[in-house]
Protein backbone atom coordinates (compact mmCIF):
# COMPACT_ATOMS: atom_id res chain seq x y z
CA MET A 1 -38.45 -14.15 -30.23
CA ARG A 2 -40.69 -17.08 -32.39
CA LEU A 3 -37.75 -17.19 -34.94
CA GLN A 4 -35.34 -18.00 -32.11
CA TRP A 5 -37.44 -20.53 -30.79
CA VAL A 6 -38.13 -21.95 -34.42
CA ILE A 7 -34.55 -22.40 -34.91
CA ALA A 8 -33.56 -24.04 -31.47
CA VAL A 9 -35.93 -26.89 -31.89
CA LEU A 10 -35.04 -27.49 -35.42
CA VAL A 11 -31.78 -27.62 -33.80
CA LEU A 12 -32.69 -30.30 -30.92
CA VAL A 13 -34.51 -32.11 -33.68
CA VAL A 14 -32.32 -32.73 -36.42
CA PRO A 15 -29.63 -34.59 -33.99
CA LEU A 16 -32.39 -37.01 -32.90
CA VAL A 17 -32.69 -37.73 -36.31
CA THR A 18 -28.95 -37.99 -37.47
CA ALA A 19 -27.85 -40.03 -34.14
CA ALA A 20 -28.73 -40.35 -30.15
CA ALA A 21 -28.46 -37.45 -28.54
CA PRO A 22 -25.01 -37.31 -26.57
CA ASP A 23 -24.75 -38.26 -23.22
CA VAL A 24 -24.97 -34.69 -21.14
CA VAL A 25 -25.08 -34.07 -17.46
CA LEU A 26 -25.60 -30.62 -15.46
CA GLU A 27 -24.21 -30.61 -11.72
CA THR A 28 -22.76 -28.74 -9.78
CA TRP A 29 -19.45 -29.07 -9.59
CA ASP A 30 -16.63 -27.32 -7.15
CA PRO A 31 -13.61 -27.79 -9.38
CA VAL A 32 -11.29 -27.33 -5.95
CA GLN A 33 -12.70 -29.96 -4.16
CA ASN A 34 -13.06 -32.30 -7.10
CA THR A 35 -9.88 -32.95 -8.07
CA SER A 36 -10.64 -36.10 -10.23
CA GLU A 37 -12.95 -33.69 -12.38
CA PRO A 38 -11.05 -30.85 -14.06
CA TYR A 39 -9.12 -28.65 -11.69
CA TRP A 40 -10.18 -24.96 -13.24
CA ILE A 41 -12.32 -23.50 -15.71
CA ASN A 42 -12.82 -20.08 -17.26
CA THR A 43 -14.50 -17.93 -15.17
CA ALA A 44 -16.73 -16.27 -17.62
CA GLU A 45 -20.17 -16.43 -16.47
CA PHE A 46 -20.56 -18.60 -20.37
CA ALA A 47 -17.57 -20.55 -22.03
CA VAL A 48 -16.79 -23.52 -23.66
CA SER A 49 -14.25 -25.07 -22.58
CA SER A 50 -12.52 -28.85 -22.78
CA TYR A 51 -10.38 -31.31 -20.97
CA ASN A 52 -8.85 -34.57 -21.24
CA LYS A 53 -10.85 -37.50 -20.53
CA HIS A 54 -8.29 -39.80 -19.95
CA GLU A 55 -5.72 -37.95 -18.14
CA LYS A 56 -8.37 -35.95 -16.23
CA LYS A 57 -5.58 -33.51 -15.15
CA ASN A 58 -4.78 -30.35 -17.10
CA LEU A 59 -7.72 -28.06 -18.83
CA VAL A 60 -7.29 -27.23 -22.48
CA PHE A 61 -8.95 -23.29 -23.21
CA GLU A 62 -10.16 -23.01 -26.75
CA SER A 63 -11.26 -20.17 -28.63
CA VAL A 64 -15.06 -18.68 -28.80
CA VAL A 65 -14.88 -16.09 -31.54
CA LYS A 66 -18.75 -14.52 -32.97
CA GLY A 67 -20.28 -17.79 -32.11
CA LYS A 68 -18.23 -20.40 -33.46
CA THR A 69 -16.02 -22.85 -31.61
CA ARG A 70 -12.98 -24.53 -32.64
CA TYR A 71 -12.40 -27.37 -30.63
CA GLU A 72 -10.76 -30.79 -31.13
CA VAL A 73 -13.03 -34.37 -30.95
CA THR A 74 -10.64 -37.27 -29.61
CA GLY A 75 -10.63 -37.99 -26.32
CA LEU A 76 -12.48 -34.78 -25.32
CA TYR A 77 -15.17 -33.47 -23.10
CA ILE A 78 -17.10 -30.33 -24.06
CA VAL A 79 -17.54 -28.33 -20.84
CA LEU A 80 -20.11 -25.82 -20.97
CA VAL A 81 -20.76 -23.55 -17.60
CA ILE A 82 -24.33 -22.03 -18.21
CA LYS A 83 -24.54 -20.55 -14.76
CA VAL A 84 -22.27 -19.55 -12.23
CA LYS A 85 -23.67 -19.55 -8.84
CA ASP A 86 -21.44 -17.22 -6.72
CA GLY A 87 -18.04 -15.26 -7.45
CA SER A 88 -16.07 -15.63 -10.56
CA LEU A 89 -13.18 -18.00 -8.88
CA PRO A 90 -13.04 -21.87 -9.01
CA SER A 91 -13.66 -21.92 -5.32
CA ALA A 92 -16.82 -21.09 -5.78
CA ASN A 93 -19.37 -24.09 -6.79
CA TYR A 94 -20.50 -23.89 -10.69
CA ASP A 95 -23.29 -25.76 -12.51
CA VAL A 96 -21.32 -27.26 -15.67
CA ALA A 97 -22.47 -29.40 -18.48
CA TYR A 98 -20.38 -32.39 -19.60
CA CYS A 99 -21.11 -33.82 -23.63
CA ASP A 100 -18.56 -36.74 -24.73
CA MET A 101 -16.78 -35.25 -27.60
CA ASP A 102 -16.98 -39.19 -28.73
CA SER A 103 -20.44 -38.56 -30.54
CA LEU A 104 -19.27 -36.01 -32.60
CA ILE A 105 -22.37 -34.87 -34.79
CA PRO A 106 -25.16 -34.97 -31.83
CA THR A 107 -22.53 -32.92 -30.16
CA ILE A 108 -22.42 -30.14 -32.64
CA PHE A 109 -25.95 -29.71 -32.76
CA PHE A 110 -26.08 -29.66 -29.17
CA LEU A 111 -23.38 -26.64 -28.87
CA PHE A 112 -25.65 -25.05 -31.17
CA PHE A 113 -28.60 -25.60 -29.72
CA PHE A 114 -27.20 -24.23 -26.33
CA LEU A 115 -25.56 -20.92 -28.41
CA GLY A 116 -28.43 -20.39 -30.71
CA THR A 117 -30.98 -19.77 -27.69
CA ILE A 118 -28.35 -18.17 -24.82
CA SER A 119 -30.11 -14.79 -26.07
CA GLY A 120 -33.41 -15.67 -24.73
CA ALA A 121 -32.38 -16.42 -21.22
CA PRO A 122 -32.55 -14.37 -18.61
CA TYR A 123 -29.55 -11.57 -18.59
CA ASN A 124 -28.60 -12.25 -14.93
CA GLU A 125 -28.53 -16.36 -15.46
CA MET A 126 -27.29 -16.96 -18.54
CA LYS A 127 -24.78 -14.52 -20.70
CA TYR A 128 -22.82 -15.59 -23.53
CA ASP A 129 -20.33 -12.30 -23.57
CA PHE A 130 -17.35 -12.57 -25.52
CA GLN A 131 -16.17 -9.43 -24.27
CA ASN A 132 -16.12 -10.91 -21.06
CA TYR A 133 -14.70 -14.27 -22.76
CA VAL A 134 -10.67 -14.81 -21.89
CA PRO A 135 -9.48 -17.36 -24.19
CA ASN A 136 -6.88 -18.55 -22.56
CA THR A 137 -6.48 -19.27 -18.65
CA ILE A 138 -3.61 -20.51 -16.45
CA MET A 139 -3.31 -21.72 -12.89
CA VAL A 140 -1.19 -21.37 -10.41
CA ASP A 141 -0.83 -23.43 -7.58
CA LYS A 142 2.23 -23.68 -5.15
CA SER A 143 0.98 -27.08 -4.28
CA GLY A 144 1.80 -28.26 -7.66
CA ARG A 145 -2.10 -28.88 -8.57
CA GLY A 146 -2.08 -26.41 -11.38
CA ASN A 147 -0.20 -25.34 -14.77
CA PHE A 148 2.70 -23.73 -12.84
CA THR A 149 4.10 -23.61 -8.83
CA THR A 150 5.56 -19.98 -9.54
CA VAL A 151 3.73 -16.66 -10.89
CA GLN A 152 6.28 -16.06 -12.90
CA GLU A 153 6.66 -19.31 -14.35
CA ALA A 154 3.18 -18.61 -15.39
CA ILE A 155 4.19 -15.18 -16.92
CA ASP A 156 7.25 -16.71 -18.84
CA SER A 157 5.00 -19.11 -20.93
CA ILE A 158 2.42 -16.52 -22.53
CA LEU A 159 3.82 -15.95 -25.87
CA SER A 160 5.32 -12.51 -26.16
CA ASN A 161 3.16 -10.06 -28.46
CA ASN A 162 0.17 -11.42 -27.33
CA SER A 163 -2.98 -10.27 -28.46
CA LEU A 164 -5.48 -11.95 -26.33
CA TRP A 165 -5.94 -11.78 -23.17
CA THR A 166 -4.91 -14.50 -20.58
CA ARG A 167 -6.00 -15.17 -17.12
CA ILE A 168 -3.46 -16.05 -14.40
CA LEU A 169 -5.44 -17.47 -12.06
CA ILE A 170 -3.69 -18.08 -8.68
CA ASN A 171 -4.71 -20.21 -5.61
CA HIS A 172 -4.05 -19.02 -2.09
CA GLY A 173 -1.17 -19.05 -0.38
CA LEU A 174 2.25 -16.91 -0.04
CA TYR A 175 4.21 -17.02 -3.26
CA MET A 176 7.62 -15.82 -2.25
CA GLU A 177 8.87 -14.41 -5.63
CA LYS A 178 9.64 -11.61 -7.38
CA VAL A 179 7.45 -10.53 -10.53
CA VAL A 180 7.71 -9.32 -13.52
CA ILE A 181 5.92 -8.44 -16.23
CA PRO A 182 7.72 -7.67 -19.38
CA ARG A 183 6.46 -4.42 -22.52
CA ASN A 184 6.37 -7.36 -25.30
CA LYS A 185 3.75 -9.47 -22.58
CA PRO A 186 0.06 -6.91 -22.31
CA TYR A 187 -3.41 -8.16 -22.03
CA ILE A 188 -2.66 -10.81 -18.79
CA ILE A 189 -4.76 -10.99 -15.71
CA LEU A 190 -3.56 -11.74 -12.24
CA GLU A 191 -6.29 -13.22 -10.45
CA GLY A 192 -6.22 -14.13 -6.91
CA ASP A 193 -8.71 -16.13 -4.18
CA PRO A 194 -11.17 -13.43 -2.80
CA ARG A 195 -11.88 -15.44 -0.05
CA HIS A 196 -8.60 -16.31 0.66
CA ASP A 197 -4.99 -14.49 0.95
CA THR A 198 -3.31 -14.93 -2.12
CA ALA A 199 0.38 -12.81 -1.95
CA ILE A 200 3.33 -12.04 -3.49
CA GLU A 201 6.25 -11.29 -1.51
CA TYR A 202 9.62 -10.88 -1.69
CA GLY A 203 12.66 -8.73 0.57
CA ASP A 204 14.85 -6.75 -2.28
CA PHE A 205 15.84 -3.31 -0.52
CA GLY A 206 17.96 -0.59 -1.42
CA SER A 207 17.05 0.36 -5.42
CA VAL A 208 13.54 1.82 -7.21
CA ILE A 209 14.40 -0.30 -10.40
CA ASP A 210 15.63 -2.98 -9.14
CA SER A 211 13.80 -4.18 -5.67
CA PRO A 212 10.35 -4.11 -6.93
CA THR A 213 8.48 -7.14 -5.59
CA PHE A 214 6.14 -6.59 -8.73
CA LYS A 215 6.94 -4.95 -11.75
CA LEU A 216 4.57 -4.22 -14.83
CA PHE A 217 6.53 -2.87 -17.89
CA ALA A 218 3.34 -3.78 -20.52
CA ASP A 219 0.07 -2.32 -21.24
CA ASN A 220 -3.18 -3.53 -20.48
CA PHE A 221 -3.45 -5.13 -17.61
CA VAL A 222 -6.00 -6.61 -14.84
CA ALA A 223 -5.18 -7.63 -11.03
CA ARG A 224 -7.66 -9.01 -8.88
CA ASN A 225 -7.48 -9.66 -4.54
CA ILE A 226 -3.57 -9.73 -4.93
CA ILE A 227 -1.17 -8.75 -2.34
CA PHE A 228 1.99 -7.05 -3.26
CA LYS A 229 4.33 -6.97 -0.50
CA ASN A 230 7.91 -6.09 0.32
CA SER A 231 8.61 -7.54 3.41
CA TYR A 232 12.37 -5.74 4.12
CA ASP A 233 11.52 -2.95 6.23
CA ARG A 234 9.87 -5.25 9.12
CA LEU A 235 13.76 -5.62 9.70
CA ILE A 236 14.11 -2.07 10.79
CA THR A 237 16.10 -1.38 14.38
CA PRO A 238 17.29 1.87 15.91
CA GLY A 239 20.41 3.66 15.37
CA PRO A 240 22.28 5.98 16.35
CA ASN A 241 20.12 8.70 14.06
CA GLY A 242 16.60 7.16 14.82
CA ARG A 243 14.94 4.47 12.68
CA LYS A 244 16.70 4.10 9.20
CA THR A 245 14.82 2.98 6.21
CA THR A 246 15.38 2.97 2.64
CA TRP A 247 13.43 2.12 -0.69
CA ALA A 248 11.72 -1.37 -0.54
CA PRO A 249 8.93 -0.68 -2.92
CA ALA A 250 6.15 -3.15 -3.16
CA ALA A 251 5.08 -2.43 -6.45
CA SER A 252 6.25 -0.65 -10.02
CA ILE A 253 3.54 0.35 -12.07
CA SER A 254 4.99 1.37 -15.51
CA GLY A 255 2.59 -0.08 -18.25
CA ASP A 256 -0.59 2.01 -19.57
CA LYS A 257 -4.17 0.89 -19.02
CA ALA A 258 -3.53 -1.11 -16.02
CA SER A 259 -6.29 -1.69 -13.07
CA PHE A 260 -6.44 -2.94 -9.87
CA TYR A 261 -9.50 -4.18 -7.84
CA HIS A 262 -9.35 -5.32 -4.00
CA CYS A 263 -5.50 -5.59 -3.85
CA ALA A 264 -2.99 -4.53 -1.00
CA PHE A 265 0.37 -3.04 -1.70
CA ILE A 266 2.37 -3.32 1.67
CA SER A 267 5.92 -1.91 2.45
CA LEU A 268 7.49 1.16 4.19
CA GLN A 269 9.36 3.65 1.97
CA ASP A 270 7.86 3.83 -2.06
CA THR A 271 5.48 1.41 -1.15
CA LEU A 272 3.55 1.74 -5.16
CA SER A 273 5.61 3.42 -7.65
CA ASP A 274 3.16 4.60 -9.67
CA ASP A 275 5.56 5.10 -12.20
CA VAL A 276 4.26 6.65 -15.61
CA GLY A 277 0.71 5.45 -17.16
CA ARG A 278 -2.64 5.43 -16.67
CA HIS A 279 -4.29 3.21 -13.83
CA TYR A 280 -7.13 2.47 -11.63
CA TYR A 281 -7.44 1.01 -8.42
CA TYR A 282 -10.49 0.36 -6.99
CA ASP A 283 -11.23 -0.70 -3.00
CA CYS A 284 -7.58 -1.22 -2.57
CA PHE A 285 -5.46 -0.83 0.50
CA VAL A 286 -2.27 0.95 0.60
CA GLU A 287 0.15 1.03 3.61
CA GLY A 288 3.68 2.45 3.98
CA ALA A 289 5.26 5.50 5.72
CA ILE A 290 7.73 7.46 3.31
CA ASP A 291 6.33 8.83 -0.31
CA PHE A 292 4.53 5.32 -0.38
CA ILE A 293 2.70 6.54 -3.26
CA TRP A 294 5.23 8.00 -5.70
CA GLY A 295 6.00 8.48 -9.31
CA ASN A 296 4.70 9.79 -12.64
CA GLY A 297 1.39 8.14 -13.02
CA GLN A 298 -1.58 9.12 -14.28
CA SER A 299 -4.10 7.16 -11.50
CA ILE A 300 -7.39 7.65 -9.97
CA TYR A 301 -7.76 5.77 -6.54
CA GLU A 302 -11.11 5.03 -5.70
CA LYS A 303 -12.67 3.87 -2.95
CA CYS A 304 -9.38 2.83 -1.17
CA GLN A 305 -7.71 2.65 2.16
CA LEU A 306 -4.36 4.96 2.91
CA ARG A 307 -2.38 3.52 5.77
CA SER A 308 0.54 5.32 7.40
CA VAL A 309 2.84 3.47 9.70
CA THR A 310 5.07 6.45 10.73
CA ASP A 311 5.07 5.37 14.13
CA LYS A 312 8.01 2.45 12.75
CA ILE A 313 9.67 5.89 11.89
CA GLY A 314 9.12 8.54 15.00
CA VAL A 315 8.48 11.09 12.69
CA PRO A 316 5.62 12.22 10.51
CA GLY A 317 5.97 10.75 6.51
CA PHE A 318 4.21 11.59 3.34
CA ILE A 319 1.60 9.81 1.63
CA THR A 320 2.27 10.73 -2.27
CA ALA A 321 5.37 12.26 -3.71
CA GLN A 322 3.74 12.73 -7.24
CA GLY A 323 6.35 13.79 -10.16
CA ARG A 324 4.82 15.40 -13.11
CA LYS A 325 7.57 17.71 -14.80
CA ASP A 326 5.79 20.07 -16.95
CA LEU A 327 2.25 22.04 -17.00
CA LYS A 328 1.74 19.85 -20.64
CA GLU A 329 2.09 16.80 -18.95
CA THR A 330 -1.75 14.93 -17.75
CA SER A 331 -0.16 12.59 -15.20
CA GLY A 332 -1.32 13.56 -11.52
CA TYR A 333 -3.17 11.58 -8.26
CA VAL A 334 -6.92 11.51 -7.51
CA PHE A 335 -8.06 10.15 -4.43
CA LYS A 336 -11.34 10.01 -4.30
CA ASP A 337 -14.21 8.87 -1.58
CA CYS A 338 -10.86 7.09 0.29
CA TYR A 339 -10.55 6.72 3.78
CA VAL A 340 -6.94 7.49 5.26
CA ASN A 341 -6.15 6.33 8.74
CA GLY A 342 -2.68 4.71 10.62
CA THR A 343 -0.45 4.95 13.05
CA GLY A 344 0.97 7.73 12.90
CA PRO A 345 1.41 11.42 11.71
CA ILE A 346 1.57 11.80 8.35
CA PHE A 347 1.46 14.47 5.30
CA LEU A 348 -0.73 14.64 2.26
CA GLY A 349 2.11 14.57 0.08
CA ARG A 350 5.14 16.86 -1.13
CA PRO A 351 6.01 17.52 -4.41
CA TYR A 352 8.79 15.00 -6.24
CA ARG A 353 8.56 17.45 -9.04
CA ASN A 354 7.79 20.92 -10.02
CA TYR A 355 4.45 20.37 -11.32
CA SER A 356 2.95 17.97 -8.81
CA ARG A 357 -0.48 17.15 -9.02
CA VAL A 358 -2.71 15.34 -6.33
CA LEU A 359 -6.18 15.72 -5.73
CA PHE A 360 -8.26 14.42 -2.18
CA ALA A 361 -12.03 14.22 -3.19
CA SER A 362 -14.38 13.79 -0.48
CA THR A 363 -12.40 11.74 1.54
CA TYR A 364 -12.24 10.67 4.94
CA MET A 365 -9.30 11.68 6.70
CA GLU A 366 -8.88 10.45 10.79
CA ASN A 367 -6.92 12.30 13.01
CA ILE A 368 -3.22 11.35 11.82
CA ILE A 369 -2.99 14.35 8.74
CA THR A 370 -0.18 16.75 9.58
CA PRO A 371 -2.19 20.20 10.64
CA GLU A 372 -0.54 21.60 7.51
CA GLY A 373 -1.72 18.67 5.14
CA TRP A 374 1.23 19.31 2.83
CA SER A 375 4.92 19.75 2.68
CA THR A 376 7.49 21.14 0.03
CA TRP A 377 11.02 19.29 -1.19
CA GLU A 378 13.80 21.35 -1.77
CA LYS A 379 13.59 24.59 -3.72
CA ARG A 380 9.82 23.73 -5.26
CA SER A 381 8.07 26.64 -7.07
CA LEU A 382 5.39 26.24 -4.72
CA ASN A 383 2.85 28.52 -7.32
CA LEU A 384 3.74 25.44 -9.75
CA ILE A 385 2.45 22.88 -7.73
CA THR A 386 -1.07 21.23 -7.57
CA PHE A 387 -1.96 19.97 -4.46
CA SER A 388 -6.02 20.54 -3.36
CA GLU A 389 -8.80 19.27 -1.03
CA VAL A 390 -12.30 18.63 -2.04
CA ASN A 391 -15.09 17.88 0.07
CA CYS A 392 -13.29 15.95 2.38
CA LYS A 393 -14.32 14.70 5.64
CA GLY A 394 -13.01 14.17 9.43
CA PRO A 395 -10.78 15.03 12.15
CA GLY A 396 -8.24 14.94 9.45
CA ALA A 397 -9.59 17.22 7.01
CA ASP A 398 -9.70 20.17 8.64
CA MET A 399 -8.02 23.17 6.68
CA SER A 400 -7.93 26.05 8.96
CA HIS A 401 -3.69 25.27 8.88
CA ARG A 402 -3.17 24.18 6.03
CA VAL A 403 0.09 25.56 3.87
CA PRO A 404 -1.11 28.94 1.96
CA TRP A 405 -0.06 27.36 -1.26
CA GLU A 406 -2.82 24.81 -1.42
CA LYS A 407 -4.48 25.35 -4.72
CA LYS A 408 -8.48 26.03 -5.22
CA LEU A 409 -9.56 23.66 -7.77
CA SER A 410 -13.08 25.30 -9.59
CA ASP A 411 -15.97 22.69 -10.13
CA GLN A 412 -15.01 22.38 -13.70
CA GLU A 413 -10.97 21.19 -12.75
CA VAL A 414 -13.04 19.03 -9.84
CA ALA A 415 -14.98 17.37 -12.21
CA TYR A 416 -12.57 16.65 -14.68
CA LEU A 417 -9.88 15.15 -12.46
CA THR A 418 -12.69 12.84 -10.50
CA ASN A 419 -14.55 11.64 -13.16
CA PRO A 420 -12.61 8.44 -14.67
CA ALA A 421 -14.50 9.10 -18.38
CA SER A 422 -12.45 12.11 -18.55
CA PHE A 423 -9.16 11.58 -16.39
CA ILE A 424 -8.03 8.29 -17.54
CA ASP A 425 -10.37 6.37 -19.62
CA GLN A 426 -11.14 8.86 -22.56
CA GLU A 427 -10.63 5.61 -25.00
CA GLY A 428 -13.21 3.15 -22.85
CA TRP A 429 -10.20 0.99 -22.05
CA LEU A 430 -11.84 0.16 -18.64
CA GLY A 431 -14.70 -0.66 -19.99
CA LYS A 432 -13.37 -3.41 -22.63
CA GLN A 433 -11.34 -5.21 -19.80
CA PRO A 434 -12.43 -8.63 -19.09
CA ASN A 435 -14.60 -8.87 -15.37
């Protein structure tokens, strides 16, 4: 600690000898309201960024790698975010230090002073976390105050086969578009406003392949505070054979190492195509009536709400339709500490493939679950299916009339499936994703 302060003092004194100290201003800045200032800043708790002080328009983010900062000099400021007051989105206020780059030498020493002493600051006030630093940030605003007005334009602007994380910050509002993240664009974060709805919505229907509002094929993906919605099923009208619906997915997730935090998926049939890959959903909301979580994903849903709207179709529906095809496959759906409610009766699931695997653990179920709990599909071999409930509560969790072929898992099996580290996160990829 003494050595740190010696270095800090030396770094502070040297620029006073070589040149006048840079003009540094510490102030609170709301980047949404103060549009005369740079409109968007990096959301890491400590980051080094720059913006054009003449145009005062688009913020240019620079890389920070192992304590070394690269930046341009002419006409730029360096912006140091030294304390985040609240939240992680630019709608919150930030304390920022502006350092005029017109005087290069004192500014360099200014940066070294901050970077050299930051490790001595309290962790909850100042942190320089390279893992959480995202070098590239793009802003989407439908009113034109960002880099792009549509989410797809922002995704298209990212270089193919990128190896660094890119954060796409989406200002609140309704974005009526279909969005596709192709396989060659990994390391993307989609982040909406946590205080106001940010929704991506479309109304295509008739195909689980072509109709999803949002399609993810790339690996290494994070979404936060986004509503993914397919609006087609709001148009259902009664017919001679009852109320008919069709495939209308809100999202199709086919990439590996994907995580979703505080997101919503809304449709009626096949709402969330949890297709393939390892996925983690935390505090998410999924609404539907027929197979509204389906596919062959290997996924944990933790503290999520599952809402049945089968009153719209007039018959019981199904929450899950998991598609594990072989005993050797590691896929399956695990619902941990979740909440199931809704407006009409529903089955917990039916087997989309012969080795279908679904576990509800420590989940509260309202009185909408059918007494049988689970349903069959075509002529499946019931002994191959793994449908199970463990430590669930609520009026819908009554096991007295469940199907006789529901599995009783051992404590070891339950522990393996409900622990992200063993079931989906063996390489620690969840902890490596930026906040």
